[in-house]
């Protein structure tokens, strides 16, 4: 038996099927076992060989990708990478796909598709390898109770946005508490599971969820419709206040600031940090410097190590810190790295995280 990761590509574009197959062929540990121009053909082929990972478009003839995803998750949960356009209509449907259990999003442009997919070969391969290791039991539990993350390139540290040197800003007068949350792959479902359990009034919350532009606003709107507290996509200068959760916009970093005794956020452009924008490390470092011991840091499911160093800085500044346990993580990457650095006080399963937040911030 082959130990290679078996992949099926389902897309009505012959060009996408060809280029994604070529990208995957660059890695000897992955093989494309089948391609299909729509889910109906895919279902027939899957009777012969069931893939470890599916790469699926959203808009296809005969059966759309969202219906296909829901069918797979209900009958035989399998990691599905959504390869979708950033068009507004497509973005809304892709958000629904994340909520239904899609592993992650690879966004593709309307123009220059071939060169984009060729340039993104490493990202596609990385996503497939992570998806093959996903904890599908955790995905199924979250989607039964009830979404990515763009993967990017150069790995810079938070230093490019914010000096590691302590500013001393938290040395003068406020006792207001806040919660900082960082998450990535699997985080759309995890955040929904956490935020919907919180009361209307708790300490202000700032969140980085790795997600492309245009998706974070829709994600925040969805959560706002489900939660007792206010959830919104952050804008530069927004107050951090009790009963409000601010989600960093895709394509921008978010940092905590303070004016007198009031917290607010700065939303700014900048380089990718840990291959992401927004970056959890950038947010957590700013929280360590501005809020210090008046903060609770929470790191949840996600691949890579973004947020691990920032959580250690929060811990060293006196903040309380919590990591999601491996048993409930879709991908035990970011929490694992934070634990290894010694920056985590408690490790708890997902269903305990709301209790930790309420105990700290209500």
Protein backbone atom coordinates (compact mmCIF):
# COMPACT_ATOMS: atom_id res chain seq x y z
CA UNK A 1 0.00 0.00 0.00
CA UNK A 2 1.19 3.49 -0.85
CA UNK A 3 1.85 5.87 2.05
CA UNK A 4 1.24 8.86 -0.17
CA UNK A 5 -1.56 11.31 0.65
CA UNK A 6 -4.34 10.61 -1.87
CA UNK A 7 -5.95 13.78 -3.27
CA UNK A 8 -8.96 14.36 -5.52
CA UNK A 9 -9.39 17.70 -7.31
CA UNK A 10 -12.99 18.68 -8.07
CA UNK A 11 -13.32 21.79 -10.25
CA UNK A 12 -15.23 22.57 -13.44
CA UNK A 13 -12.17 24.38 -14.81
CA UNK A 14 -9.84 22.06 -16.72
CA UNK A 15 -7.06 24.62 -16.18
CA UNK A 16 -7.46 24.50 -12.40
CA UNK A 17 -7.49 20.70 -12.39
CA UNK A 18 -4.34 20.63 -14.52
CA UNK A 19 -2.36 23.27 -12.62
CA UNK A 20 -3.32 22.00 -9.14
CA UNK A 21 -2.35 18.47 -10.22
CA UNK A 22 1.02 19.78 -11.46
CA UNK A 23 1.55 21.66 -8.19
CA UNK A 24 0.84 18.55 -6.15
CA UNK A 25 3.20 16.49 -8.33
CA UNK A 26 6.12 18.56 -6.98
CA UNK A 27 5.86 16.67 -3.67
CA UNK A 28 6.68 12.93 -3.65
CA UNK A 29 4.48 12.37 -0.61
CA UNK A 30 1.25 13.38 -2.36
CA UNK A 31 -0.55 11.98 -5.38
CA UNK A 32 -3.67 12.99 -7.26
CA UNK A 33 -5.71 9.81 -7.50
CA UNK A 34 -8.56 11.40 -9.47
CA UNK A 35 -9.98 14.63 -10.83
CA UNK A 36 -13.61 15.47 -11.58
CA UNK A 37 -15.37 18.35 -13.31
CA UNK A 38 -18.24 18.36 -10.81
CA UNK A 39 -19.33 16.59 -7.58
CA UNK A 40 -21.57 14.12 -9.38
CA UNK A 41 -18.58 12.72 -11.28
CA UNK A 42 -16.53 12.90 -8.07
CA UNK A 43 -19.04 10.79 -6.13
CA UNK A 44 -18.88 8.09 -8.79
CA UNK A 45 -15.09 8.03 -8.74
CA UNK A 46 -15.02 7.96 -4.94
CA UNK A 47 -16.81 4.60 -5.03
CA UNK A 48 -13.55 3.19 -6.39
CA UNK A 49 -10.98 5.19 -4.43
CA UNK A 50 -11.68 7.43 -1.44
CA UNK A 51 -9.19 10.33 -1.17
CA UNK A 52 -7.50 11.47 2.02
CA UNK A 53 -8.05 15.12 1.01
CA UNK A 54 -10.39 16.84 -1.44
CA UNK A 55 -9.65 20.16 -3.20
CA UNK A 56 -13.04 21.54 -4.20
CA UNK A 57 -14.39 24.58 -6.04
CA UNK A 58 -17.65 26.16 -4.85
CA UNK A 59 -19.43 27.12 -8.08
CA UNK A 60 -19.88 24.02 -10.26
CA UNK A 61 -22.61 22.55 -12.47
CA UNK A 62 -25.12 19.88 -11.39
CA UNK A 63 -24.11 20.11 -7.69
CA UNK A 64 -22.43 23.08 -6.02
CA UNK A 65 -19.40 22.64 -3.79
CA UNK A 66 -21.26 23.60 -0.60
CA UNK A 67 -23.89 20.89 -1.07
CA UNK A 68 -21.11 18.41 -1.88
CA UNK A 69 -19.18 19.39 1.26
CA UNK A 70 -22.22 18.94 3.50
CA UNK A 71 -22.91 15.53 1.94
CA UNK A 72 -19.32 14.37 2.53
CA UNK A 73 -19.27 15.67 6.12
CA UNK A 74 -22.54 13.90 6.91
CA UNK A 75 -21.65 10.56 5.31
CA UNK A 76 -17.85 10.17 5.48
CA UNK A 77 -16.03 13.19 7.04
CA UNK A 78 -12.98 13.97 4.91
CA UNK A 79 -10.72 17.07 4.93
CA UNK A 80 -11.90 19.46 2.20
CA UNK A 81 -9.84 22.42 1.00
CA UNK A 82 -12.04 25.02 -0.68
CA UNK A 83 -10.40 26.66 -3.70
CA UNK A 84 -12.65 29.65 -4.30
CA UNK A 85 -12.81 33.09 -5.85
CA UNK A 86 -12.77 36.23 -3.71
CA UNK A 87 -15.89 37.59 -5.44
CA UNK A 88 -18.42 38.85 -2.88
CA UNK A 89 -21.01 36.20 -3.72
CA UNK A 90 -18.36 33.48 -3.63
CA UNK A 91 -16.99 34.79 -0.34
CA UNK A 92 -20.39 34.50 1.33
CA UNK A 93 -20.83 30.90 0.16
CA UNK A 94 -17.28 30.07 1.20
CA UNK A 95 -18.05 31.36 4.71
CA UNK A 96 -20.94 28.90 4.79
CA UNK A 97 -18.51 26.18 3.68
CA UNK A 98 -16.17 26.98 6.60
CA UNK A 99 -19.11 26.83 9.00
CA UNK A 100 -20.04 23.45 7.52
CA UNK A 101 -16.57 22.03 8.19
CA UNK A 102 -14.26 22.98 5.31
CA UNK A 103 -10.64 22.65 6.42
CA UNK A 104 -9.33 25.90 4.93
CA UNK A 105 -9.63 28.32 2.02
CA UNK A 106 -7.29 28.87 -0.89
CA UNK A 107 -8.45 32.03 -2.64
CA UNK A 108 -8.00 32.29 -6.38
CA UNK A 109 -8.26 35.45 -8.50
CA UNK A 110 -10.54 35.92 -11.49
CA UNK A 111 -7.55 36.96 -13.63
CA UNK A 112 -4.07 35.44 -13.89
CA UNK A 113 -5.30 32.14 -12.49
CA UNK A 114 -2.57 29.92 -13.96
CA UNK A 115 0.33 32.04 -12.69
CA UNK A 116 -1.35 32.42 -9.29
CA UNK A 117 -1.76 28.66 -8.86
CA UNK A 118 1.81 28.03 -10.01
CA UNK A 119 3.15 30.63 -7.56
CA UNK A 120 1.02 29.10 -4.79
CA UNK A 121 2.25 25.52 -5.30
CA UNK A 122 4.04 25.41 -1.93
CA UNK A 123 0.96 26.80 -0.18
CA UNK A 124 -1.29 24.19 -1.76
CA UNK A 125 1.07 21.37 -0.79
CA UNK A 126 1.36 22.70 2.80
CA UNK A 127 -2.43 22.90 3.11
CA UNK A 128 -2.89 19.35 1.82
CA UNK A 129 -0.32 17.93 4.25
CA UNK A 130 -1.95 19.71 7.18
CA UNK A 131 -5.42 18.62 6.06
CA UNK A 132 -4.31 14.99 5.89
CA UNK A 133 -3.38 15.19 9.59
CA UNK A 134 -6.59 16.98 10.63
CA UNK A 135 -8.61 15.77 13.60
CA UNK A 136 -11.86 15.07 11.73
CA UNK A 137 -13.53 13.96 14.94
CA UNK A 138 -13.16 17.52 16.24
CA UNK A 139 -14.52 18.94 12.98
CA UNK A 140 -17.53 16.65 13.11
CA UNK A 141 -18.30 17.51 16.75
CA UNK A 142 -18.19 21.26 16.03
CA UNK A 143 -20.24 21.11 12.83
CA UNK A 144 -22.81 18.82 14.49
CA UNK A 145 -23.18 21.33 17.33
CA UNK A 146 -23.46 24.20 14.97
CA UNK A 147 -15.08 27.79 9.10
CA UNK A 148 -8.97 29.28 7.11
CA UNK A 149 -7.29 30.63 6.53
CA UNK A 150 -5.13 31.94 3.70
CA UNK A 151 -1.62 30.49 3.60
CA UNK A 152 1.10 32.97 2.78
CA UNK A 153 4.86 33.17 2.40
CA UNK A 154 7.91 34.96 3.93
CA UNK A 155 8.33 34.26 7.64
CA UNK A 156 9.03 37.50 9.52
CA UNK A 157 8.63 38.07 13.25
CA UNK A 158 6.41 40.60 15.04
CA UNK A 159 9.45 42.92 15.21
CA UNK A 160 8.53 44.28 11.77
CA UNK A 161 5.34 45.75 13.26
CA UNK A 162 6.13 46.35 16.91
CA UNK A 163 9.38 46.50 18.87
CA UNK A 164 9.88 43.78 21.46
CA UNK A 165 11.01 46.41 23.95
CA UNK A 166 8.44 47.04 26.64
CA UNK A 167 6.77 50.45 26.24
CA UNK A 168 5.81 50.79 29.90
CA UNK A 169 2.31 51.88 28.85
CA UNK A 170 0.61 49.51 31.26
CA UNK A 171 2.35 51.10 34.23
CA UNK A 172 -0.29 53.78 34.61
CA UNK A 173 -3.77 53.38 35.73
CA UNK A 174 -6.34 50.98 34.41
CA UNK A 175 -7.64 47.78 35.87
CA UNK A 176 -9.94 46.99 32.93
CA UNK A 177 -9.49 43.41 31.82
CA UNK A 178 -9.54 42.10 28.27
CA UNK A 179 -9.28 38.80 26.42
CA UNK A 180 -7.05 38.20 23.39
CA UNK A 181 -7.75 35.16 21.20
CA UNK A 182 -5.65 33.75 18.37
CA UNK A 183 -6.60 30.92 16.04
CA UNK A 184 -6.22 29.64 12.50
CA UNK A 185 -7.23 26.42 10.73
CA UNK A 186 -10.42 25.11 12.32
CA UNK A 187 -10.82 28.39 14.14
CA UNK A 188 -14.01 29.53 12.46
CA UNK A 189 -15.91 26.67 14.05
CA UNK A 190 -13.96 26.93 17.32
CA UNK A 191 -14.67 30.65 17.68
CA UNK A 192 -18.35 30.06 17.05
CA UNK A 193 -18.37 27.35 19.72
CA UNK A 194 -16.71 29.71 22.22
CA UNK A 195 -18.33 33.08 21.52
CA UNK A 196 -21.88 31.76 21.36
CA UNK A 197 -21.46 30.48 24.94
CA UNK A 198 -20.47 33.89 26.36
CA UNK A 199 -22.88 36.28 28.12
CA UNK A 200 -23.85 39.66 26.71
CA UNK A 201 -21.48 41.42 29.09
CA UNK A 202 -17.94 40.19 29.62
CA UNK A 203 -14.51 41.76 29.26
CA UNK A 204 -13.68 43.22 25.85
CA UNK A 205 -12.30 40.68 23.37
CA UNK A 206 -9.77 41.10 20.54
CA UNK A 207 -9.38 38.28 18.03
CA UNK A 208 -7.06 37.28 15.22
CA UNK A 209 -8.44 34.53 12.99
CA UNK A 210 -6.26 33.82 9.96
CA UNK A 211 -8.57 34.59 7.06
CA UNK A 212 -8.30 36.45 3.73
CA UNK A 213 -9.71 39.90 3.00
CA UNK A 214 -13.50 40.14 2.54
CA UNK A 215 -14.09 37.00 4.58
CA UNK A 216 -13.54 38.49 8.04
CA UNK A 217 -16.39 41.00 7.71
CA UNK A 218 -18.83 38.27 6.72
CA UNK A 219 -17.51 36.02 9.47
CA UNK A 220 -18.00 38.76 12.07
CA UNK A 221 -21.53 39.43 10.82
CA UNK A 222 -22.37 35.75 11.08
CA UNK A 223 -21.08 35.54 14.66
CA UNK A 224 -22.86 38.75 15.59
CA UNK A 225 -26.15 37.18 14.50
CA UNK A 226 -25.50 34.13 16.70
CA UNK A 227 -23.95 35.66 19.84
CA UNK A 228 -25.29 37.59 22.82
CA UNK A 229 -22.30 39.95 22.75
CA UNK A 230 -21.53 42.33 19.88
CA UNK A 231 -19.11 40.93 17.29
CA UNK A 232 -17.70 43.16 14.57
CA UNK A 233 -14.79 43.40 12.15
CA UNK A 234 -12.38 45.86 13.72
CA UNK A 235 -11.81 49.31 12.27
CA UNK A 236 -8.91 51.55 13.19
CA UNK A 237 -9.64 53.33 16.48
CA UNK A 238 -12.45 51.01 17.64
CA UNK A 239 -12.86 50.89 21.42
CA UNK A 240 -12.24 47.62 23.23
CA UNK A 241 -15.06 47.52 25.72
CA UNK A 242 -17.16 45.07 27.74
CA UNK A 243 -19.64 43.13 25.66
CA UNK A 244 -17.77 43.65 22.38
CA UNK A 245 -15.52 41.31 20.36
CA UNK A 246 -13.34 42.81 17.62
CA UNK A 247 -12.03 40.55 14.84
CA UNK A 248 -8.92 41.72 12.97
CA UNK A 249 -9.72 42.36 9.29
CA UNK A 250 -8.12 40.06 6.72
CA UNK A 251 -5.08 41.66 5.12
CA UNK A 252 -4.39 43.98 8.09
CA UNK A 253 -2.60 43.63 11.41
CA UNK A 254 -4.38 44.61 14.63
CA UNK A 255 -2.63 45.98 17.72
CA UNK A 256 -3.92 46.99 21.12
CA UNK A 257 -3.41 50.64 22.14
CA UNK A 258 -4.49 52.77 25.06
CA UNK A 259 -5.57 56.35 25.58
CA UNK A 260 -5.72 57.14 29.28
CA UNK A 261 -7.65 54.28 30.84
CA UNK A 262 -9.37 53.22 27.62
CA UNK A 263 -8.24 50.44 25.30
CA UNK A 264 -8.66 50.73 21.54
CA UNK A 265 -7.21 49.00 18.48
CA UNK A 266 -4.93 50.17 15.74
CA UNK A 267 -5.52 48.46 12.40
CA UNK A 268 -2.54 48.82 10.08
CA UNK A 269 -0.99 47.45 6.92
CA UNK A 270 2.45 45.88 7.01
CA UNK A 271 4.48 42.84 6.00
CA UNK A 272 3.35 39.29 6.61
CA UNK A 273 4.33 38.09 10.09
CA UNK A 274 4.78 34.34 10.50
CA UNK A 275 3.42 34.21 6.93
CA UNK A 276 0.15 35.80 8.01
CA UNK A 277 -1.63 39.14 8.00
CA UNK A 278 -3.26 39.54 10.47
CA UNK A 279 -0.78 37.85 12.78
CA UNK A 280 -1.54 36.51 16.24
CA UNK A 281 2.00 37.33 17.39
CA UNK A 282 1.50 41.01 16.54
CA UNK A 283 -1.74 41.19 18.52
CA UNK A 284 -0.41 39.21 21.50
CA UNK A 285 2.79 41.28 21.71
CA UNK A 286 0.75 44.49 21.79
CA UNK A 287 -1.51 43.05 24.49
CA UNK A 288 1.53 42.04 26.55
CA UNK A 289 2.88 45.58 26.34
CA UNK A 290 -0.34 47.53 26.80
CA UNK A 291 -2.51 45.37 29.08
CA UNK A 292 0.10 43.14 30.77
CA UNK A 293 -1.36 41.36 33.79
CA UNK A 294 -4.85 42.69 32.97
CA UNK A 295 -5.25 40.29 30.05
CA UNK A 296 -6.19 36.69 29.36
CA UNK A 297 -4.61 35.10 26.29
CA UNK A 298 -6.27 32.17 24.50
CA UNK A 299 -4.66 30.22 21.65
CA UNK A 300 -6.71 27.65 19.76
CA UNK A 301 -6.57 25.29 16.80
CA UNK A 302 -4.29 26.19 13.89
CA UNK A 303 -1.27 25.00 11.95
CA UNK A 304 2.12 26.65 12.31
CA UNK A 305 3.42 28.61 15.28
CA UNK A 306 1.90 32.09 14.93
CA UNK A 307 1.00 33.35 18.40
CA UNK A 308 3.34 31.05 20.33
CA UNK A 309 5.99 33.71 20.98
CA UNK A 310 3.37 36.37 21.60
CA UNK A 311 1.67 34.18 24.19
CA UNK A 312 5.00 33.66 25.95
CA UNK A 313 5.41 37.46 26.05
CA UNK A 314 1.91 37.83 27.50
CA UNK A 315 2.70 35.16 30.11
CA UNK A 316 5.97 36.87 31.04
CA UNK A 317 4.10 40.19 31.39
CA UNK A 318 1.79 38.63 33.98
CA UNK A 319 -1.19 37.74 31.82
CA UNK A 320 -3.11 34.51 32.31
CA UNK A 321 -2.81 32.15 29.35
CA UNK A 322 -4.87 29.22 28.06
CA UNK A 323 -4.28 26.82 25.16
CA UNK A 324 -6.78 24.47 23.54
CA UNK A 325 -6.12 20.80 24.23
CA UNK A 326 -5.00 18.52 21.42
CA UNK A 327 -8.11 16.34 21.79
CA UNK A 328 -10.40 19.06 20.39
CA UNK A 329 -8.03 20.87 17.99
CA UNK A 330 -8.59 20.36 14.28
CA UNK A 331 -4.84 21.04 13.96
CA UNK A 332 -2.70 20.95 17.10
CA UNK A 333 -0.04 23.34 15.82
CA UNK A 334 -0.24 26.81 17.35
CA UNK A 335 -1.26 25.60 20.84
CA UNK A 336 1.44 22.93 20.79
CA UNK A 337 4.15 25.48 19.99
CA UNK A 338 2.91 27.88 22.70
CA UNK A 339 3.01 25.05 25.25
CA UNK A 340 6.55 24.07 24.16
CA UNK A 341 7.76 27.66 24.74
CA UNK A 342 6.45 27.61 28.30
CA UNK A 343 3.93 30.38 27.77
CA UNK A 344 0.75 28.49 28.75
CA UNK A 345 -0.78 28.31 32.24
CA UNK A 346 -3.68 25.99 31.41
CA UNK A 347 -4.47 23.47 28.67
CA UNK A 348 -8.19 22.78 28.34
CA UNK A 349 -10.55 21.27 25.74
CA UNK A 350 -12.64 23.59 23.58
CA UNK A 351 -15.82 23.24 25.65
CA UNK A 352 -13.95 24.52 28.73
CA UNK A 353 -12.64 27.70 27.11
CA UNK A 354 -15.89 29.69 27.56
CA UNK A 355 -15.77 28.85 31.28
CA UNK A 356 -12.19 30.15 31.50
CA UNK A 357 -13.20 33.41 29.78
CA UNK A 358 -16.27 33.90 31.99
CA UNK A 359 -14.27 33.13 35.15
CA UNK A 360 -11.69 35.72 34.14
CA UNK A 361 -13.69 38.49 32.55
CA UNK A 362 -17.22 38.69 34.01
